[in-house]
Protein backbone atom coordinates (compact mmCIF):
# COMPACT_ATOMS: atom_id res chain seq x y z
CA MET A 1 -0.49 -0.30 -0.09
CA CYS A 2 0.96 3.68 -0.43
CA ALA A 3 -1.29 5.34 2.13
CA PRO A 4 -0.38 3.70 4.87
CA PRO A 5 -2.76 1.34 7.24
CA ASP A 6 -6.25 3.13 8.29
CA ARG A 7 -6.42 3.76 12.38
CA LEU A 8 -10.27 2.24 13.46
CA THR A 9 -9.71 3.48 16.85
CA SER A 10 -7.04 4.66 18.98
CA GLY A 11 -5.70 5.30 22.77
CA GLY A 12 -3.88 8.47 23.74
CA ASP A 13 -2.10 9.49 20.45
CA ILE A 14 -0.62 5.97 19.07
CA PRO A 15 -3.72 3.70 17.07
CA GLN A 16 -4.71 0.21 18.48
CA ILE A 17 -6.52 -0.98 15.95
CA MET A 18 -5.62 -1.07 12.49
CA SER A 19 -7.47 -1.45 8.94
CA LEU A 20 -4.58 -3.18 6.27
CA SER A 21 -4.10 -5.79 3.56
CA THR A 22 -1.98 -8.41 3.09
CA GLU A 23 -1.86 -10.21 -0.20
CA ARG A 24 -5.83 -10.51 -1.26
CA SER A 25 -6.87 -9.76 2.07
CA LEU A 26 -8.03 -7.17 4.15
CA THR A 27 -6.91 -7.84 7.73
CA ILE A 28 -7.27 -5.95 10.81
CA LEU A 29 -4.19 -4.74 13.35
CA ASN A 30 -4.16 -4.66 16.44
CA TRP A 31 -0.59 -3.21 17.72
CA ASP A 32 -0.18 -1.08 20.16
CA GLY A 33 2.25 1.31 18.35
CA GLU A 34 5.46 0.74 20.44
CA SER A 35 5.95 -2.92 20.78
CA ASP A 36 7.63 -5.19 18.35
CA LYS A 37 4.85 -8.16 17.30
CA PRO A 38 1.59 -6.57 17.22
CA THR A 39 -1.45 -8.39 19.79
CA GLY A 40 -3.67 -9.50 17.11
CA LEU A 41 -4.49 -10.17 13.65
CA GLN A 42 -7.50 -11.05 12.29
CA LYS A 43 -8.85 -12.05 7.88
CA ILE A 44 -11.90 -10.11 7.21
CA VAL A 45 -12.43 -11.04 3.85
CA THR A 46 -10.63 -11.85 1.10
CA VAL A 47 -11.27 -11.10 -2.60
CA GLU A 48 -10.30 -12.83 -6.29
CA GLU A 49 -9.89 -15.93 -4.66
CA ASP A 50 -9.74 -17.21 -8.65
CA LYS A 51 -6.46 -15.11 -9.32
CA PRO A 52 -4.38 -16.18 -6.13
CA LYS A 53 -1.37 -14.60 -8.14
CA ASN A 54 -3.01 -11.04 -7.46
CA ARG A 55 -2.58 -8.46 -4.56
CA PHE A 56 -4.31 -5.67 -2.61
CA ASN A 57 -1.74 -2.19 -3.73
CA ASP A 58 -3.16 0.49 -2.40
CA GLY A 59 -6.44 1.06 -0.01
CA LYS A 60 -7.30 4.19 2.14
CA ALA A 61 -10.83 5.46 3.47
CA ASP A 62 -12.84 8.39 2.60
CA PRO A 63 -14.03 11.09 4.72
CA SER A 64 -16.97 9.19 5.63
CA GLY A 65 -14.96 5.97 7.31
CA LYS A 66 -15.47 3.34 4.50
CA VAL A 67 -12.11 1.92 3.04
CA TRP A 68 -11.35 1.61 -0.58
CA ALA A 69 -8.69 -0.63 -1.98
CA GLY A 70 -7.57 -1.65 -4.98
CA THR A 71 -5.40 -4.99 -6.31
CA LEU A 72 -2.83 -5.41 -9.05
CA GLY A 73 -2.43 -8.64 -11.59
CA GLY A 74 0.14 -10.85 -10.70
CA GLU A 75 3.64 -10.66 -11.01
CA ILE A 76 4.53 -12.56 -14.81
CA SER A 77 8.83 -11.84 -14.69
CA PRO A 78 10.44 -9.15 -11.89
CA GLY A 79 8.63 -5.82 -12.82
CA VAL A 80 5.66 -7.18 -14.85
CA PHE A 81 2.58 -7.52 -14.27
CA GLU A 82 -0.15 -9.21 -15.88
CA GLN A 83 -2.52 -6.03 -17.50
CA LYS A 84 -6.87 -6.13 -16.72
CA ALA A 85 -6.44 -8.68 -14.06
CA ALA A 86 -7.14 -6.52 -11.21
CA ALA A 87 -10.52 -4.53 -9.32
CA PHE A 88 -11.01 -2.03 -7.43
CA TYR A 89 -13.66 -2.14 -3.83
CA SER A 90 -15.02 -0.57 -1.56
CA PHE A 91 -15.78 -2.49 2.27
CA LYS A 92 -18.53 -0.70 3.75
CA ASN A 93 -19.52 -3.46 4.86
CA PRO A 94 -16.21 -5.26 5.27
CA ARG A 95 -17.40 -8.51 4.39
CA SER A 96 -19.74 -8.13 1.34
CA PRO A 97 -16.99 -5.55 -0.12
CA VAL A 98 -18.77 -3.72 -3.60
CA LYS A 99 -16.49 -4.11 -6.93
CA HIS A 100 -17.10 -1.00 -8.94
CA LEU A 101 -14.26 -1.22 -11.24
CA SER A 102 -12.87 -4.47 -13.37
CA ASN A 103 -10.33 -4.61 -15.81
CA VAL A 104 -7.97 -2.71 -13.68
CA SER A 105 -4.02 -3.42 -14.08
CA MET A 106 -2.27 -1.68 -11.21
CA SER A 107 -4.47 0.12 -9.10
CA ASN A 108 -2.91 2.98 -7.05
CA GLY A 109 -3.36 6.39 -6.22
CA LEU A 110 -6.93 7.17 -4.84
CA THR A 111 -8.49 10.34 -2.87
CA TRP A 112 -11.33 12.40 -2.84
CA THR A 113 -13.32 16.03 -2.60
CA ARG A 114 -14.71 16.40 1.18
CA ASP A 115 -18.36 16.07 -0.17
CA LEU A 116 -17.38 13.00 -1.26
CA LYS A 117 -18.80 13.80 -4.90
CA THR A 118 -15.96 13.03 -6.70
CA LEU A 119 -12.91 10.10 -6.42
CA TYR A 120 -10.01 10.90 -7.96
CA TYR A 121 -8.60 7.55 -9.07
CA ILE A 122 -4.93 5.97 -10.80
CA ASP A 123 -4.28 3.00 -12.37
CA THR A 124 -0.87 3.41 -13.06
CA LEU A 125 -0.44 1.26 -16.02
CA LYS A 126 -2.95 3.23 -17.96
CA GLY A 127 -0.65 5.99 -17.21
CA GLN A 128 -3.97 8.18 -16.49
CA ILE A 129 -5.35 10.52 -13.59
CA GLU A 130 -9.26 9.80 -13.80
CA ALA A 131 -11.90 11.47 -12.00
CA PHE A 132 -15.49 9.43 -11.27
CA ASP A 133 -18.42 11.33 -10.02
CA ASN A 134 -19.24 9.04 -6.24
CA ASP A 135 -22.77 9.04 -5.20
CA PRO A 136 -21.97 7.85 -1.15
CA LYS A 137 -26.16 6.74 -1.11
CA THR A 138 -26.22 4.40 -3.60
CA GLU A 139 -21.99 3.62 -3.67
CA LYS A 140 -22.12 3.52 -6.81
CA LEU A 141 -19.49 5.52 -8.93
CA SER A 142 -20.26 6.89 -12.89
CA ASN A 143 -18.86 9.39 -15.08
CA GLY A 144 -15.66 7.77 -15.45
CA ARG A 145 -12.92 10.76 -17.02
CA VAL A 146 -9.13 11.42 -17.69
CA ILE A 147 -7.90 14.13 -15.98
CA VAL A 148 -4.46 13.74 -16.81
CA ASP A 149 -2.92 11.48 -19.56
CA PHE A 150 0.86 11.58 -18.61
CA LYS A 151 1.93 10.43 -22.59
CA GLU A 152 -0.18 13.22 -24.08
CA LYS A 153 1.17 16.02 -21.98
CA GLY A 154 5.12 14.15 -22.26
CA ILE A 155 4.83 12.83 -18.54
CA THR A 156 7.98 10.81 -18.61
CA GLY A 157 6.86 8.41 -15.44
CA ASN A 158 3.82 6.49 -13.95
CA PRO A 159 1.48 8.19 -11.93
CA ASP A 160 1.45 6.54 -8.39
CA GLY A 161 0.37 7.96 -5.30
CA LEU A 162 -2.34 10.40 -5.17
CA THR A 163 -3.69 12.95 -2.45
CA ILE A 164 -5.52 16.48 -2.42
CA ASP A 165 -4.95 19.94 -0.76
CA THR A 166 -7.70 22.55 0.89
CA GLU A 167 -8.11 24.48 -2.54
CA GLY A 168 -8.98 20.81 -3.89
CA LYS A 169 -5.62 20.61 -5.83
CA LEU A 170 -4.15 16.97 -6.47
CA TRP A 171 -0.77 15.80 -5.75
CA VAL A 172 0.59 13.29 -7.96
CA ALA A 173 3.44 11.23 -7.33
CA ASN A 174 5.30 9.88 -10.05
CA PHE A 175 6.97 6.57 -9.93
CA ASN A 176 10.20 6.33 -12.74
CA GLY A 177 9.85 10.41 -12.98
CA GLY A 178 13.52 10.73 -12.54
CA GLN A 179 14.72 8.14 -14.80
CA GLU A 180 16.77 10.57 -17.12
CA ARG A 181 18.68 12.24 -14.89
CA GLY A 182 20.59 11.21 -11.51
CA HIS A 183 21.64 13.25 -8.34
CA GLU A 184 24.96 13.05 -7.05
CA PRO A 185 25.61 11.49 -3.59
CA HIS A 186 26.11 14.17 -0.96
CA ASP A 187 27.30 13.84 2.72
CA TRP A 188 24.73 13.01 5.13
CA THR A 189 25.42 13.89 9.22
CA PRO A 190 23.25 11.90 11.47
CA ARG A 191 21.14 13.34 13.47
CA SER A 192 18.76 11.85 16.54
CA PRO A 193 15.68 9.66 14.93
CA ALA A 194 12.50 12.14 14.98
CA ASN A 195 9.98 11.99 17.64
CA VAL A 196 6.65 11.70 16.54
CA ASP A 197 4.97 12.40 19.43
CA GLU A 198 6.61 15.53 20.25
CA GLY A 199 6.42 16.68 16.10
CA ILE A 200 10.51 16.92 15.93
CA HIS A 201 11.80 15.82 12.66
CA ASP A 202 15.35 15.57 12.71
CA ALA A 203 16.90 14.91 9.53
CA VAL A 204 18.51 11.83 9.40
CA PRO A 205 19.46 9.11 7.03
CA TYR A 206 17.43 6.56 6.01
CA SER A 207 16.97 3.34 8.02
CA ALA A 208 13.15 2.46 8.37
CA VAL A 209 10.18 4.02 7.87
CA GLY A 210 6.42 2.86 9.42
CA MET A 211 6.73 2.66 13.13
CA ALA A 212 4.55 5.12 15.32
CA ARG A 213 7.45 6.59 17.10
CA GLY A 214 11.14 7.34 15.99
CA VAL A 215 9.55 7.97 12.18
CA VAL A 216 12.71 8.18 10.32
CA ILE A 217 12.82 11.59 7.82
CA ALA A 218 14.84 12.59 5.59
CA ASP A 219 14.97 16.63 4.24
CA ALA A 220 17.64 17.05 1.45
CA PRO A 221 20.68 18.26 1.15
CA ASP A 222 20.20 22.61 -0.07
CA ASP A 223 21.57 21.75 -3.45
CA SER A 224 19.13 18.61 -3.90
CA VAL A 225 16.19 20.58 -4.31
CA GLY A 226 15.41 24.08 -3.37
CA ALA A 227 16.81 24.98 -0.13
CA GLY A 228 15.90 21.94 2.56
CA LEU A 229 13.48 20.31 0.03
CA ARG A 230 11.35 23.93 -0.29
CA PRO A 231 9.45 23.27 -3.73
CA THR A 232 11.31 24.35 -6.81
CA GLU A 233 8.63 25.99 -10.00
CA LYS A 234 9.42 24.44 -13.17
CA SER A 235 8.04 23.80 -16.25
CA LEU A 236 7.67 20.89 -17.88
CA ARG A 237 10.87 20.99 -20.55
CA GLN A 238 12.01 19.13 -18.89
CA PRO A 239 9.94 16.28 -17.60
CA ALA A 240 12.48 13.51 -16.18
CA ASP A 241 13.26 16.14 -13.47
CA THR A 242 9.34 15.96 -12.34
CA ALA A 243 8.96 13.95 -8.94
CA ILE A 244 5.60 15.85 -8.12
CA LEU A 245 2.77 17.03 -9.75
CA ARG A 246 0.54 19.59 -8.10
CA VAL A 247 -3.16 19.28 -10.69
CA ASP A 248 -5.52 21.41 -11.42
CA SER A 249 -8.50 18.54 -10.76
CA THR A 250 -11.06 20.82 -13.03
CA THR A 251 -8.93 21.52 -16.34
CA GLY A 252 -6.02 19.18 -15.66
CA SER A 253 -3.42 21.57 -16.37
CA VAL A 254 -0.42 20.89 -14.21
CA LEU A 255 0.34 23.67 -11.88
CA ARG A 256 4.12 23.13 -9.99
CA THR A 257 6.22 20.33 -10.10
CA LEU A 258 9.13 19.20 -7.45
CA GLN A 259 12.11 17.42 -7.83
CA ILE A 260 12.72 15.18 -5.00
CA PRO A 261 16.51 13.14 -5.70
CA ALA A 262 14.98 9.63 -5.95
CA ASN A 263 13.46 8.24 -9.29
CA LYS A 264 10.45 6.32 -7.59
CA VAL A 265 8.74 8.11 -5.97
CA THR A 266 5.56 6.19 -4.89
CA CYS A 267 3.32 8.33 -2.86
CA ALA A 268 2.47 12.51 -0.70
CA VAL A 269 0.14 12.51 2.26
CA PHE A 270 0.08 15.58 4.51
CA GLY A 271 1.55 16.49 7.90
CA GLY A 272 2.93 18.68 9.90
CA ALA A 273 0.89 20.58 13.08
CA ASP A 274 -0.77 22.31 10.38
CA LEU A 275 -0.62 19.88 8.16
CA ASP A 276 1.56 22.13 5.66
CA GLU A 277 4.05 19.63 5.61
CA LEU A 278 4.44 17.34 2.29
CA TYR A 279 5.57 13.54 3.53
CA VAL A 280 7.14 11.93 0.19
CA THR A 281 7.81 8.30 -0.05
CA THR A 282 9.96 6.98 -2.20
CA ALA A 283 11.13 3.11 -3.66
CA ASN A 284 14.44 1.25 -4.35
CA ILE A 285 12.85 -1.99 -5.11
CA ARG A 286 15.39 -3.94 -8.01
CA ASP A 287 17.35 -0.74 -8.80
CA THR A 288 20.54 -1.53 -10.70
CA PRO A 289 24.00 -0.62 -8.97
CA GLU A 290 23.80 1.85 -11.41
CA GLU A 291 20.63 3.32 -10.45
CA ARG A 292 21.36 3.71 -6.75
CA GLY A 293 24.63 5.26 -7.58
CA LYS A 294 22.39 7.45 -10.06
CA PHE A 295 19.56 8.01 -7.40
CA PRO A 296 21.59 7.22 -3.43
CA LEU A 297 18.16 8.50 -1.87
CA GLY A 298 16.23 5.67 -3.59
CA GLY A 299 14.06 4.34 -0.49
CA THR A 300 13.89 7.32 1.66
CA THR A 301 10.94 9.21 3.06
CA PHE A 302 11.40 13.37 2.70
CA ARG A 303 9.66 16.23 3.92
CA VAL A 304 8.87 18.95 1.73
CA THR A 305 7.83 22.19 3.51
CA GLY A 306 7.22 26.47 2.19
CA LEU A 307 4.80 25.08 0.27
CA GLY A 308 1.94 27.24 0.88
CA VAL A 309 -0.37 25.26 0.91
CA LYS A 310 -2.08 22.83 3.15
CA GLY A 311 -3.83 19.27 2.97
CA TYR A 312 -5.84 17.46 5.10
CA SER A 313 -5.46 14.55 7.79
CA GLY A 314 -5.53 11.06 7.16
CA ASP A 315 -9.40 9.44 7.62
CA LYS A 316 -10.46 7.21 10.58
CA ALA A 317 -11.41 4.02 9.06
CA ILE A 318 -15.32 2.60 9.85
CA LEU A 319 -15.49 -0.79 9.78
CA ASP A 320 -18.55 -2.65 10.86
CA LEU A 321 -17.39 -6.10 12.32
CA GLU A 322 -20.10 -7.12 14.36
């Protein structure tokens, strides 16, 4: 999943029950946020029993608390997936998922307008950001349309994770968006790990991300991305430099692009005390030695500051398990 596990209930500041996917199953995890082992793992429902090589990819809760998630086709060879063999679901009743889209290849980023009337969605292998009218009462999607087509706009890479800001603009992660350009290795000075509870985010080399405490954040050196990962305004004349795109959700115009010193950018979410910081995850899966030389910071989580816009906090999943 690009998106973090959705918390169902919480004790203090640390989620204790979270929803997540394991292979083709929606699963409930009981965890105190500190221990190295969960106290419980409950499988709720499994989809696509006839396609054992498929698995869930991305998913999150919408503003009403309903969980949505989609699958990707089975891996035929390293990095090559069966196309049009997956689907996209919602889980208002978690044991009876509703299939909204079939013939999906790689279900990925998703986000909504706060009134839930529009869903924005990415099937990565289509190379597009799509929009659908969403009726929360009937649980039906309709009027599918393309907002951005990467190929038509000459954008190198593949759309991946997706989020929305308070102005209704989309922020899109671009996987393989820097494949034609590398970044020189930098000399990092380690400092103390982040303490999420106190909101302190000191720059350290990436080692692990995902614990409720001690999350590692890496702020890029000043010469990597503006200064301290402040956004840089760029036109699309050099599309290979584009790691994050801010898109007008109505016109499809690319309003802003951000450079990140990593090639495989997977997701972006807003965070920080004022929800005005963008947290960007990246990957280095299957990188060759040459690619790791060009992008030594692949697999790092970055914090982008100074954007001048705010987003929304993650929505809590509401699942009726009775």
